[in-house]
Protein backbone atom coordinates (compact mmCIF):
# COMPACT_ATOMS: atom_id res chain seq x y z
CA UNK A 1 3.59 20.00 3.04
CA UNK A 2 3.11 18.25 6.36
CA UNK A 3 1.35 15.36 4.64
CA UNK A 4 4.09 15.10 2.03
CA UNK A 5 6.77 14.63 4.66
CA UNK A 6 5.10 11.63 6.19
CA UNK A 7 6.63 9.91 9.21
CA UNK A 8 7.74 6.85 7.27
CA UNK A 9 10.13 8.85 5.09
CA UNK A 10 13.12 9.77 7.23
CA UNK A 11 16.80 10.41 6.79
CA UNK A 12 18.45 7.03 7.05
CA UNK A 13 22.14 6.93 6.34
CA UNK A 14 22.93 3.24 5.92
CA UNK A 15 26.14 2.55 4.03
CA UNK A 16 26.18 -1.00 5.42
CA UNK A 17 23.21 -1.85 3.20
CA UNK A 18 24.52 -0.64 -0.16
CA UNK A 19 27.52 0.95 -1.75
CA UNK A 20 25.25 3.00 -4.02
CA UNK A 21 24.05 6.36 -2.73
CA UNK A 22 20.28 6.78 -2.85
CA UNK A 23 18.43 10.02 -2.06
CA UNK A 24 16.92 9.78 1.40
CA UNK A 25 14.36 12.61 1.26
CA UNK A 26 13.10 12.32 -2.28
CA UNK A 27 9.98 10.12 -2.14
CA UNK A 28 6.95 10.67 0.04
CA UNK A 29 4.32 8.23 1.27
CA UNK A 30 1.98 7.38 -1.64
CA UNK A 31 -0.89 7.05 0.86
CA UNK A 32 -2.16 9.35 3.60
CA UNK A 33 -2.25 6.66 6.25
CA UNK A 34 0.49 5.04 8.37
CA UNK A 35 2.65 2.62 6.43
CA UNK A 36 1.81 -1.03 7.21
CA UNK A 37 2.96 -3.67 4.75
CA UNK A 38 1.53 -6.97 3.61
CA UNK A 39 4.46 -7.57 1.26
CA UNK A 40 8.10 -6.47 1.13
CA UNK A 41 10.60 -6.12 -1.69
CA UNK A 42 12.23 -9.31 -2.96
CA UNK A 43 9.75 -11.73 -1.42
CA UNK A 44 9.60 -15.17 -2.98
CA UNK A 45 6.52 -15.18 -5.18
CA UNK A 46 5.35 -17.66 -7.80
CA UNK A 47 8.02 -17.66 -10.55
CA UNK A 48 9.25 -14.16 -9.59
CA UNK A 49 10.56 -11.90 -6.87
CA UNK A 50 8.18 -9.29 -5.52
CA UNK A 51 9.26 -6.05 -7.15
CA UNK A 52 7.92 -3.52 -4.66
CA UNK A 53 5.99 -2.94 -1.45
CA UNK A 54 2.41 -4.04 -0.86
CA UNK A 55 0.90 -1.36 1.36
CA UNK A 56 -2.21 -2.20 3.35
CA UNK A 57 -5.23 0.05 2.79
CA UNK A 58 -7.20 -0.85 5.93
CA UNK A 59 -9.09 -3.61 4.07
CA UNK A 60 -10.90 -1.08 1.89
CA UNK A 61 -10.71 0.63 -1.47
CA UNK A 62 -10.88 4.27 -2.49
CA UNK A 63 -8.05 5.77 -0.42
CA UNK A 64 -6.20 8.75 -1.91
CA UNK A 65 -3.01 7.76 -3.76
CA UNK A 66 -0.54 10.63 -4.23
CA UNK A 67 2.56 11.13 -6.35
CA UNK A 68 5.67 10.15 -4.40
CA UNK A 69 7.73 12.94 -6.05
CA UNK A 70 7.56 15.56 -8.80
CA UNK A 71 7.47 14.24 -12.35
CA UNK A 72 5.05 13.31 -15.08
CA UNK A 73 2.80 10.35 -15.78
CA UNK A 74 4.69 8.45 -18.46
CA UNK A 75 2.64 5.28 -18.69
CA UNK A 76 -0.88 4.15 -17.91
CA UNK A 77 -1.82 0.52 -18.25
CA UNK A 78 -5.13 -1.21 -17.68
CA UNK A 79 -5.32 -4.99 -17.86
CA UNK A 80 -7.69 -7.64 -16.57
CA UNK A 81 -4.95 -9.34 -14.55
CA UNK A 82 -1.43 -8.29 -13.52
CA UNK A 83 -1.36 -4.84 -11.92
CA UNK A 84 -4.90 -4.10 -13.07
CA UNK A 85 -5.15 -0.32 -13.28
CA UNK A 86 -1.62 1.05 -12.94
CA UNK A 87 0.18 4.41 -13.21
CA UNK A 88 3.86 5.03 -13.88
CA UNK A 89 5.47 8.36 -12.96
CA UNK A 90 8.88 9.36 -14.35
CA UNK A 91 10.92 11.60 -12.06
CA UNK A 92 13.73 14.05 -12.92
CA UNK A 93 16.43 12.01 -11.16
CA UNK A 94 15.92 9.04 -13.48
CA UNK A 95 13.63 7.06 -11.21
CA UNK A 96 10.15 5.78 -12.01
CA UNK A 97 7.49 5.00 -9.43
CA UNK A 98 4.70 2.50 -10.07
CA UNK A 99 1.25 2.41 -8.47
CA UNK A 100 -0.71 -0.81 -9.04
CA UNK A 101 -4.12 -2.41 -8.39
CA UNK A 102 -5.85 0.99 -8.44
CA UNK A 103 -9.61 1.44 -8.27
CA UNK A 104 -9.68 4.50 -10.52
CA UNK A 105 -7.58 7.51 -11.47
CA UNK A 106 -7.82 11.14 -10.38
CA UNK A 107 -10.48 13.03 -12.43
CA UNK A 108 -8.16 14.62 -15.03
CA UNK A 109 -6.32 11.34 -15.60
CA UNK A 110 -9.55 9.35 -15.62
CA UNK A 111 -10.95 11.56 -18.37
CA UNK A 112 -7.76 11.21 -20.42
CA UNK A 113 -7.85 7.42 -20.10
CA UNK A 114 -11.57 7.07 -20.78
CA UNK A 115 -11.33 9.11 -23.97
CA UNK A 116 -8.56 6.79 -25.16
CA UNK A 117 -10.60 3.70 -24.26
CA UNK A 118 -13.58 4.95 -26.26
CA UNK A 119 -11.38 5.93 -29.18
CA UNK A 120 -9.78 2.47 -29.19
CA UNK A 121 -13.01 0.68 -28.22
CA UNK A 122 -11.12 -1.32 -25.60
CA UNK A 123 -11.16 -1.59 -21.80
CA UNK A 124 -7.60 -2.94 -21.71
CA UNK A 125 -5.23 -0.23 -22.88
CA UNK A 126 -1.66 1.04 -22.57
CA UNK A 127 -0.91 4.75 -22.94
CA UNK A 128 2.34 6.74 -22.96
CA UNK A 129 1.52 10.42 -22.35
CA UNK A 130 4.05 13.06 -23.36
CA UNK A 131 6.01 14.71 -20.52
CA UNK A 132 3.91 17.88 -20.83
CA UNK A 133 0.51 16.18 -20.85
CA UNK A 134 0.09 14.96 -17.27
CA UNK A 135 2.70 16.58 -14.99
CA UNK A 136 2.44 15.89 -11.26
CA UNK A 137 3.77 17.42 -8.06
CA UNK A 138 4.89 15.58 -4.96
CA UNK A 139 1.85 14.78 -2.82
CA UNK A 140 -0.64 15.45 -5.63
CA UNK A 141 -3.68 13.18 -5.92
CA UNK A 142 -3.22 10.78 -8.84
CA UNK A 143 -5.57 7.87 -8.11
CA UNK A 144 -7.58 5.89 -5.58
CA UNK A 145 -6.47 2.58 -4.10
CA UNK A 146 -8.24 -0.57 -5.17
CA UNK A 147 -8.13 -4.29 -5.82
CA UNK A 148 -7.92 -4.46 -9.61
CA UNK A 149 -6.00 -7.00 -11.68
CA UNK A 150 -4.48 -10.04 -10.02
CA UNK A 151 -4.67 -8.55 -6.53
CA UNK A 152 -5.76 -10.90 -3.74
CA UNK A 153 -7.28 -8.11 -1.64
CA UNK A 154 -7.37 -4.30 -1.35
CA UNK A 155 -3.87 -2.79 -1.21
CA UNK A 156 -1.49 -0.51 -3.08
CA UNK A 157 1.43 -2.04 -4.94
CA UNK A 158 4.26 0.54 -4.95
CA UNK A 159 7.57 0.30 -6.81
CA UNK A 160 10.65 2.42 -7.40
CA UNK A 161 12.58 1.61 -10.59
CA UNK A 162 15.89 2.94 -11.86
CA UNK A 163 16.59 4.34 -15.32
CA UNK A 164 17.07 0.78 -16.67
CA UNK A 165 13.56 -0.12 -15.42
CA UNK A 166 15.02 -2.41 -12.75
CA UNK A 167 13.00 -2.43 -9.50
CA UNK A 168 14.91 -1.15 -6.47
CA UNK A 169 14.27 -1.88 -2.81
CA UNK A 170 12.26 1.16 -1.60
CA UNK A 171 13.87 0.83 1.84
CA UNK A 172 17.13 2.03 0.25
CA UNK A 173 15.50 5.46 -0.12
CA UNK A 174 14.91 5.99 3.59
CA UNK A 175 11.46 4.49 3.80
CA UNK A 176 11.33 3.20 7.33
CA UNK A 177 8.71 1.02 8.98
CA UNK A 178 8.36 -0.21 12.57
CA UNK A 179 10.32 -3.46 12.72
CA UNK A 180 11.79 -4.73 15.97
CA UNK A 181 11.23 -8.42 15.28
CA UNK A 182 13.98 -10.69 13.90
CA UNK A 183 13.38 -13.06 10.97
CA UNK A 184 12.22 -16.60 11.65
CA UNK A 185 14.20 -19.57 10.37
CA UNK A 186 11.54 -22.26 10.30
CA UNK A 187 13.33 -25.13 8.58
CA UNK A 188 16.77 -26.17 7.35
CA UNK A 189 17.76 -28.87 4.87
CA UNK A 190 21.13 -30.22 3.76
CA UNK A 191 21.84 -31.40 0.21
CA UNK A 192 24.40 -33.88 -1.08
CA UNK A 193 25.63 -32.06 -4.19
CA UNK A 194 27.28 -34.98 -5.97
CA UNK A 195 26.94 -38.74 -6.12
CA UNK A 196 29.84 -39.47 -3.76
CA UNK A 197 28.65 -37.16 -0.98
CA UNK A 198 26.80 -38.42 2.05
CA UNK A 199 25.16 -36.77 5.06
CA UNK A 200 24.36 -38.77 8.18
CA UNK A 201 25.05 -41.96 6.24
CA UNK A 202 22.94 -41.21 3.15
CA UNK A 203 22.99 -39.10 0.00
CA UNK A 204 19.30 -38.16 0.34
CA UNK A 205 18.15 -34.74 1.42
CA UNK A 206 18.39 -34.29 5.20
CA UNK A 207 15.89 -32.20 7.14
CA UNK A 208 17.50 -30.91 10.32
CA UNK A 209 15.74 -30.50 13.63
CA UNK A 210 16.06 -26.96 15.01
CA UNK A 211 16.13 -25.96 18.66
CA UNK A 212 16.42 -22.67 20.49
CA UNK A 213 19.83 -21.44 21.65
CA UNK A 214 19.23 -18.11 23.37
CA UNK A 215 17.83 -15.75 20.73
CA UNK A 216 19.18 -17.94 17.93
CA UNK A 217 18.94 -21.56 16.79
CA UNK A 218 21.08 -24.69 16.88
CA UNK A 219 20.94 -28.17 15.37
CA UNK A 220 22.40 -31.44 16.54
CA UNK A 221 25.81 -32.24 14.99
CA UNK A 222 25.71 -33.89 11.58
CA UNK A 223 28.29 -36.10 9.91
CA UNK A 224 29.14 -35.61 6.27
CA UNK A 225 31.73 -36.18 3.60
CA UNK A 226 31.99 -34.58 0.17
CA UNK A 227 30.27 -31.49 -1.19
CA UNK A 228 27.20 -30.25 0.63
CA UNK A 229 24.89 -27.26 0.47
CA UNK A 230 22.29 -25.81 2.81
CA UNK A 231 18.85 -24.34 2.40
CA UNK A 232 16.45 -22.66 4.81
CA UNK A 233 12.84 -21.62 5.01
CA UNK A 234 13.01 -18.10 6.44
CA UNK A 235 10.51 -15.25 6.74
CA UNK A 236 10.48 -11.84 8.35
CA UNK A 237 7.89 -10.46 10.74
CA UNK A 238 7.14 -6.72 10.89
CA UNK A 239 5.57 -4.85 13.79
CA UNK A 240 1.80 -4.20 13.66
CA UNK A 241 1.11 -6.99 11.17
CA UNK A 242 0.84 -10.78 11.05
CA UNK A 243 2.10 -11.36 7.49
CA UNK A 244 5.05 -13.54 6.57
CA UNK A 245 7.34 -11.19 4.68
CA UNK A 246 10.59 -11.72 2.81
CA UNK A 247 14.03 -11.46 4.39
CA UNK A 248 16.58 -8.90 3.19
CA UNK A 249 19.71 -11.05 3.20
CA UNK A 250 20.91 -14.60 3.79
CA UNK A 251 24.52 -15.34 4.73
CA UNK A 252 26.41 -18.58 5.35
CA UNK A 253 29.75 -18.77 7.14
CA UNK A 254 31.99 -21.79 7.59
CA UNK A 255 34.36 -21.53 10.56
CA UNK A 256 33.74 -17.79 10.61
CA UNK A 257 34.40 -17.12 6.91
CA UNK A 258 31.57 -16.09 4.58
CA UNK A 259 31.02 -18.52 1.70
CA UNK A 260 27.61 -17.29 0.58
CA UNK A 261 25.55 -14.12 0.81
CA UNK A 262 22.62 -12.80 -1.19
CA UNK A 263 20.92 -9.47 -0.60
CA UNK A 264 17.70 -8.05 -2.01
CA UNK A 265 18.61 -4.54 -3.21
CA UNK A 266 17.49 -4.85 -6.81
CA UNK A 267 15.66 -7.23 -9.12
CA UNK A 268 15.55 -7.58 -12.88
CA UNK A 269 12.43 -8.58 -14.81
CA UNK A 270 14.53 -10.40 -17.42
CA UNK A 271 16.03 -12.76 -14.83
CA UNK A 272 13.38 -12.90 -12.11
CA UNK A 273 12.16 -16.34 -13.20
CA UNK A 274 15.53 -17.76 -12.13
CA UNK A 275 14.01 -17.61 -8.66
CA UNK A 276 13.13 -21.23 -9.39
CA UNK A 277 16.84 -22.07 -9.19
CA UNK A 278 17.15 -20.26 -5.86
CA UNK A 279 14.33 -22.15 -4.20
CA UNK A 280 13.94 -25.90 -3.91
CA UNK A 281 11.17 -25.93 -6.50
CA UNK A 282 10.36 -29.63 -6.23
CA UNK A 283 9.99 -29.44 -2.46
CA UNK A 284 7.73 -26.42 -2.84
CA UNK A 285 5.45 -28.26 -5.28
CA UNK A 286 5.24 -31.27 -2.97
CA UNK A 287 4.98 -29.55 0.43
CA UNK A 288 4.29 -25.82 -0.31
CA UNK A 289 7.38 -25.00 1.75
CA UNK A 290 9.80 -22.53 0.16
CA UNK A 291 13.42 -23.42 0.88
CA UNK A 292 16.00 -20.83 -0.21
CA UNK A 293 19.11 -22.67 -1.31
CA UNK A 294 22.31 -21.11 -0.02
CA UNK A 295 24.29 -22.21 -3.07
CA UNK A 296 24.16 -21.33 -6.75
CA UNK A 297 23.68 -23.93 -9.50
CA UNK A 298 25.30 -23.28 -12.92
CA UNK A 299 22.01 -22.34 -14.65
CA UNK A 300 21.24 -19.64 -12.08
CA UNK A 301 21.70 -16.15 -13.61
CA UNK A 302 20.48 -14.06 -10.69
CA UNK A 303 22.47 -10.95 -9.74
CA UNK A 304 21.56 -10.87 -6.05
CA UNK A 305 24.81 -12.32 -4.73
CA UNK A 306 27.29 -10.32 -2.65
CA UNK A 307 29.61 -13.19 -1.73
CA UNK A 308 30.03 -16.56 -3.44
CA UNK A 309 32.93 -18.82 -2.58
CA UNK A 310 32.80 -21.93 -4.77
CA UNK A 311 29.17 -20.94 -5.46
CA UNK A 312 28.29 -21.76 -1.87
CA UNK A 313 29.28 -25.43 -2.27
CA UNK A 314 30.92 -26.56 0.96
CA UNK A 315 33.64 -29.24 0.82
CA UNK A 316 33.68 -31.50 3.90
CA UNK A 317 36.83 -33.52 4.49
CA UNK A 318 37.29 -36.62 6.58
CA UNK A 319 38.46 -36.01 10.16
CA UNK A 320 37.78 -32.25 10.20
CA UNK A 321 35.20 -30.29 12.18
CA UNK A 322 33.22 -27.37 10.83
CA UNK A 323 30.83 -24.80 12.27
CA UNK A 324 28.30 -23.64 9.73
CA UNK A 325 26.29 -20.53 10.62
CA UNK A 326 23.31 -19.36 8.55
CA UNK A 327 22.10 -15.82 9.26
CA UNK A 328 18.81 -14.38 8.02
CA UNK A 329 18.55 -10.59 8.32
CA UNK A 330 15.91 -7.97 7.66
CA UNK A 331 16.55 -4.43 6.40
CA UNK A 332 16.28 -2.97 9.90
CA UNK A 333 19.26 -5.06 10.99
CA UNK A 334 17.36 -7.65 13.04
CA UNK A 335 18.83 -11.10 12.54
CA UNK A 336 18.54 -14.75 13.47
CA UNK A 337 21.44 -17.22 13.21
CA UNK A 338 21.22 -20.98 12.91
CA UNK A 339 24.38 -22.87 13.90
CA UNK A 340 25.08 -26.34 12.50
CA UNK A 341 28.05 -28.38 13.79
CA UNK A 342 29.44 -30.61 11.03
CA UNK A 343 31.88 -33.47 11.52
CA UNK A 344 33.79 -34.78 8.51
CA UNK A 345 33.41 -38.53 8.53
CA UNK A 346 33.81 -40.72 5.45
CA UNK A 347 31.51 -43.73 5.23
CA UNK A 348 32.28 -46.07 2.29
CA UNK A 349 28.96 -47.90 2.73
CA UNK A 350 26.55 -44.97 2.84
CA UNK A 351 22.96 -45.33 1.60
CA UNK A 352 22.64 -44.35 -2.05
CA UNK A 353 19.25 -43.27 -3.37
CA UNK A 354 19.02 -44.54 -6.97
CA UNK A 355 18.19 -42.18 -9.82
CA UNK A 356 14.98 -43.13 -11.61
CA UNK A 357 15.97 -43.71 -15.25
CA UNK A 358 13.65 -43.50 -18.25
CA UNK A 359 13.95 -43.88 -22.03
CA UNK A 360 14.36 -40.11 -22.42
CA UNK A 361 17.47 -38.42 -21.07
CA UNK A 362 17.31 -34.67 -21.61
CA UNK A 363 20.37 -32.43 -21.58
CA UNK A 364 19.30 -29.00 -20.42
CA UNK A 365 21.17 -27.10 -23.13
CA UNK A 366 19.70 -29.11 -26.03
CA UNK A 367 16.42 -29.13 -27.99
CA UNK A 368 14.21 -32.17 -27.41
CA UNK A 369 11.15 -33.55 -29.21
CA UNK A 370 8.88 -36.56 -28.68
CA UNK A 371 6.15 -37.79 -31.04
CA UNK A 372 3.66 -40.52 -30.13
CA UNK A 373 0.45 -41.28 -32.06
CA UNK A 374 -1.47 -37.99 -32.29
CA UNK A 375 0.76 -36.24 -29.75
CA UNK A 376 3.87 -34.13 -30.29
CA UNK A 377 5.83 -32.28 -27.62
CA UNK A 378 8.94 -30.16 -28.00
CA UNK A 379 11.24 -28.44 -25.54
CA UNK A 380 13.60 -25.63 -26.62
CA UNK A 381 17.20 -25.57 -25.48
CA UNK A 382 17.66 -24.26 -21.95
CA UNK A 383 14.04 -24.97 -21.16
CA UNK A 384 15.26 -27.05 -18.21
CA UNK A 385 17.75 -25.84 -15.60
CA UNK A 386 19.44 -29.23 -15.15
CA UNK A 387 19.83 -32.51 -17.05
CA UNK A 388 17.22 -35.14 -16.21
CA UNK A 389 15.61 -38.43 -17.13
CA UNK A 390 12.25 -37.37 -18.49
CA UNK A 391 9.08 -39.39 -17.92
CA UNK A 392 6.75 -39.40 -20.95
CA UNK A 393 3.64 -41.50 -21.41
CA UNK A 394 0.51 -41.41 -23.58
CA UNK A 395 -2.31 -43.69 -22.51
CA UNK A 396 -6.10 -43.51 -22.48
CA UNK A 397 -6.00 -40.11 -24.23
CA UNK A 398 -3.89 -38.57 -21.44
CA UNK A 399 -0.35 -37.29 -21.99
CA UNK A 400 2.00 -37.57 -19.01
CA UNK A 401 4.80 -34.99 -19.19
CA UNK A 402 6.98 -35.90 -16.23
CA UNK A 403 5.49 -34.05 -13.22
CA UNK A 404 5.02 -30.53 -11.90
CA UNK A 405 8.01 -30.72 -9.55
CA UNK A 406 10.48 -29.85 -12.34
CA UNK A 407 10.68 -26.10 -13.07
CA UNK A 408 10.91 -24.83 -16.63
CA UNK A 409 12.43 -21.57 -17.79
CA UNK A 410 10.86 -21.56 -21.26
CA UNK A 411 7.59 -22.74 -22.73
CA UNK A 412 7.30 -26.20 -24.18
CA UNK A 413 4.81 -26.88 -26.99
CA UNK A 414 2.31 -29.74 -26.80
CA UNK A 415 0.21 -30.50 -29.90
CA UNK A 416 -2.62 -32.90 -30.75
CA UNK A 417 -3.58 -33.99 -34.25
CA UNK A 418 -7.38 -33.65 -34.37
CA UNK A 419 -7.92 -34.55 -38.03
CA UNK A 420 -10.06 -37.53 -37.00
CA UNK A 421 -12.68 -35.17 -35.56
CA UNK A 422 -15.36 -33.61 -37.81
CA UNK A 423 -14.39 -30.11 -38.89
CA UNK A 424 -17.32 -28.53 -37.04
CA UNK A 425 -16.20 -30.17 -33.78
CA UNK A 426 -12.54 -29.18 -34.12
CA UNK A 427 -13.24 -25.52 -33.36
CA UNK A 428 -14.67 -26.53 -29.97
CA UNK A 429 -11.72 -28.74 -28.98
CA UNK A 430 -9.25 -27.39 -26.42
CA UNK A 431 -6.24 -28.66 -24.50
CA UNK A 432 -6.89 -29.30 -20.83
CA UNK A 433 -4.70 -29.94 -17.83
CA UNK A 434 -5.60 -32.98 -15.68
CA UNK A 435 -5.08 -32.73 -11.91
CA UNK A 436 -4.54 -35.55 -9.41
CA UNK A 437 -8.27 -36.05 -8.98
CA UNK A 438 -8.87 -36.20 -12.72
CA UNK A 439 -10.46 -32.74 -12.88
CA UNK A 440 -9.85 -30.80 -16.09
CA UNK A 441 -8.82 -27.16 -16.38
CA UNK A 442 -8.32 -25.14 -19.55
CA UNK A 443 -4.80 -24.71 -20.94
CA UNK A 444 -4.38 -21.79 -23.34
CA UNK A 445 -5.11 -23.35 -26.73
CA UNK A 446 -3.97 -22.28 -30.21
CA UNK A 447 -5.00 -23.74 -33.53
CA UNK A 448 -3.35 -24.77 -36.78
CA UNK A 449 -4.60 -26.93 -39.63
CA UNK A 450 -5.92 -30.19 -38.12
CA UNK A 451 -4.01 -29.45 -34.90
CA UNK A 452 -4.54 -27.81 -31.56
CA UNK A 453 -1.65 -26.99 -29.28
CA UNK A 454 -0.74 -25.33 -26.02
CA UNK A 455 2.42 -23.72 -24.71
CA UNK A 456 3.23 -23.90 -21.03
CA UNK A 457 6.00 -23.74 -18.45
CA UNK A 458 4.33 -26.21 -16.09
CA UNK A 459 4.62 -29.97 -16.63
CA UNK A 460 1.98 -32.54 -15.73
CA UNK A 461 -0.91 -34.41 -17.38
CA UNK A 462 -2.82 -33.10 -20.41
CA UNK A 463 -5.66 -34.20 -22.65
CA UNK A 464 -8.07 -32.77 -25.20
CA UNK A 465 -11.70 -32.05 -24.43
CA UNK A 466 -14.70 -30.37 -26.01
CA UNK A 467 -16.25 -27.09 -24.84
CA UNK A 468 -19.65 -26.37 -26.41
CA UNK A 469 -21.22 -24.14 -23.76
CA UNK A 470 -21.27 -20.40 -24.45
CA UNK A 471 -20.56 -17.75 -21.79
CA UNK A 472 -23.49 -16.62 -19.65
CA UNK A 473 -24.39 -12.93 -19.36
CA UNK A 474 -27.03 -11.30 -17.17
CA UNK A 475 -27.69 -8.06 -15.30
CA UNK A 476 -27.18 -8.15 -11.53
CA UNK A 477 -28.39 -4.78 -10.23
CA UNK A 478 -31.43 -4.12 -12.45
CA UNK A 479 -34.06 -5.95 -14.47
CA UNK A 480 -35.41 -5.62 -17.96
CA UNK A 481 -37.42 -2.39 -18.41
CA UNK A 482 -36.33 -1.14 -14.98
CA UNK A 483 -36.09 2.58 -14.28
CA UNK A 484 -32.50 3.37 -13.31
CA UNK A 485 -32.74 7.15 -12.94
CA UNK A 486 -31.05 7.02 -9.52
CA UNK A 487 -28.33 4.57 -10.57
CA UNK A 488 -24.73 5.57 -11.20
CA UNK A 489 -23.61 2.23 -12.64
CA UNK A 490 -25.10 -0.81 -14.33
CA UNK A 491 -23.60 -4.16 -13.41
CA UNK A 492 -23.55 -7.49 -15.25
CA UNK A 493 -22.27 -10.98 -14.61
CA UNK A 494 -20.11 -12.50 -17.35
CA UNK A 495 -18.75 -15.99 -16.81
CA UNK A 496 -17.73 -19.06 -18.76
CA UNK A 497 -17.93 -22.64 -17.58
CA UNK A 498 -14.57 -23.90 -18.90
CA UNK A 499 -12.30 -22.30 -21.49
CA UNK A 500 -12.82 -18.76 -20.25
CA UNK A 501 -13.97 -15.49 -21.79
CA UNK A 502 -11.84 -14.59 -24.81
CA UNK A 503 -13.59 -11.38 -25.83
CA UNK A 504 -16.69 -9.31 -25.12
CA UNK A 505 -18.25 -6.12 -26.39
CA UNK A 506 -21.25 -4.02 -25.52
CA UNK A 507 -23.35 -1.38 -27.22
CA UNK A 508 -25.78 1.18 -25.85
CA UNK A 509 -28.36 2.19 -28.43
CA UNK A 510 -25.98 0.92 -31.09
CA UNK A 511 -22.95 2.86 -29.76
CA UNK A 512 -19.91 1.09 -28.32
CA UNK A 513 -19.94 1.27 -24.51
CA UNK A 514 -17.06 0.89 -22.07
CA UNK A 515 -17.57 -2.14 -19.83
CA UNK A 516 -14.99 -2.48 -17.07
CA UNK A 517 -14.24 -6.16 -16.58
CA UNK A 518 -13.32 -7.58 -13.18
CA UNK A 519 -12.14 -11.05 -14.20
CA UNK A 520 -11.80 -12.21 -10.58
CA UNK A 521 -15.47 -11.53 -9.89
CA UNK A 522 -16.73 -12.22 -13.44
CA UNK A 523 -18.31 -8.78 -13.39
CA UNK A 524 -18.86 -6.04 -15.98
CA UNK A 525 -19.61 -2.47 -14.89
CA UNK A 526 -20.89 0.42 -17.00
CA UNK A 527 -20.76 4.07 -15.86
CA UNK A 528 -24.09 5.72 -16.76
CA UNK A 529 -22.35 9.08 -17.11
CA UNK A 530 -20.28 7.88 -20.07
CA UNK A 531 -22.75 8.25 -22.97
CA UNK A 532 -25.33 11.08 -22.97
CA UNK A 533 -28.86 9.76 -23.40
CA UNK A 534 -31.48 11.51 -25.55
CA UNK A 535 -34.41 9.21 -24.77
CA UNK A 536 -35.87 7.47 -21.75
CA UNK A 537 -35.95 3.90 -23.12
CA UNK A 538 -32.50 2.51 -23.96
CA UNK A 539 -31.16 -0.83 -25.16
CA UNK A 540 -27.94 -2.58 -24.20
CA UNK A 541 -26.55 -5.51 -26.20
CA UNK A 542 -23.59 -7.48 -24.86
CA UNK A 543 -21.85 -10.21 -26.89
CA UNK A 544 -19.19 -12.54 -25.49
CA UNK A 545 -17.12 -15.39 -26.90
CA UNK A 546 -15.07 -18.01 -25.10
CA UNK A 547 -11.82 -19.66 -26.17
CA UNK A 548 -13.70 -22.48 -27.93
CA UNK A 549 -15.64 -20.17 -30.27
CA UNK A 550 -18.88 -20.40 -28.33
CA UNK A 551 -20.73 -17.09 -28.53
CA UNK A 552 -23.67 -15.63 -26.64
CA UNK A 553 -25.62 -12.38 -26.91
CA UNK A 554 -27.58 -10.69 -24.13
CA UNK A 555 -30.07 -7.86 -24.65
CA UNK A 556 -31.72 -5.76 -21.96
CA UNK A 557 -33.71 -2.52 -21.88
CA UNK A 558 -33.60 0.13 -19.17
CA UNK A 559 -35.41 3.42 -18.61
CA UNK A 560 -33.86 6.65 -17.40
CA UNK A 561 -35.32 10.11 -17.03
CA UNK A 562 -33.83 12.73 -19.32
CA UNK A 563 -33.01 16.14 -17.91
CA UNK A 564 -34.51 18.57 -20.37
CA UNK A 565 -32.66 21.86 -20.70
């Protein structure tokens, strides 16, 4: 009981954070160590908001993971990327908790999952146990922490979702962590939001210089006229850790009145990609700096906003003075405010940055298609967030699709007619992305008659190339005809030089064997306890195929003593 009422779960009555009442003593710590985070809820991640907490596991795997509350395991999913090995627990009050990047499950659950994997002859699997099959109690061991899936290092990903499967900020439930440090505002930019607006004599983006003003920040006065908007690069710092975490809220006031406020209480998987309308996506691609825009463009469908006056667009009139204050706050109430004095001053001869025009003007809400020689590209309606002049070029077998600085909400389709290639070669052709240095990387390729095509939500340069090299497979912890009587696992390397491993399968003495695939490390692992052996000499055969239909087969023999009863 003492472990289940861990110090980080306390009564925290905080009506200032939310109008919804959340139970404050319901969930316990999913780990048996002090809570230190590497990631907070709502952080700005690639194409999505972070939907939970990333809890540090002392740079190691194998720590006990326990159920945060009574309930039953309602979903188990194993995938090569994403959350890797993940458990979902449904609780009586309508909440679901999620535990991701696990190393393995508790013994009873592990047996249930492994039986299903062998029955389906698949490592990747998704299961939905009945409520009576795998019930759990608060504080009960359910798994061990790991680094599976798309994890960048050992940690536990922990979520709390509501009955609509929308992730909620776990801090709303009384989870408290040491945090006495205010957020950092590291950069501020000002945008001219229409063609007639100017800032400091120009309609280009202005980067403001920040300076300390007590515990807060101040900029030099700016002059402007027209409609402007602000954006900041802001992060939060927690005690006992060095990570740059996400802020809880961002608020903008003009002359003391709030015109903009967003707050990270809840996210929605169906709208999370609209994060690319919240950040300055182009600036991020060019500089890797994430600017949160404190205004809302028409295409933005996020539901994180608490206050929006004129969508955060600020009208600056000639001869008037304004004080703009931008406040970044964390959940603990620590805050930092940046003050920007603005003087309304109309300048009829301001510098105008011309818009680069091309032959292709795309309206965001319309379907668009371009055909050139063997190339065809199509964009569905609402693929783009804003209208634009689109740069298309096809030269020297390379297709230029604008550039990566423009975010897309939907996939475009890019196809190549390959009928001029011999039929035997066509199966080895793939679409490749071309980087600035001319290096090629595989783009997920599909095939139709005399065509290959790819679908993507990232613009840039593309070409077609040939992949004729099959995946390589070899054992890494034993050799052919080795005795492995004292081994618990057999390990293999599986890697492909270009298009990537599409499928693999293994047999032990002719029987399908479960090979756990760590795609990050290109490693396959077999548990020697899985299949009972009735002879000392045993044969493993592993076959793998890449995405260009290149196939390889690897055979190895091992010896293991048999315990005779």
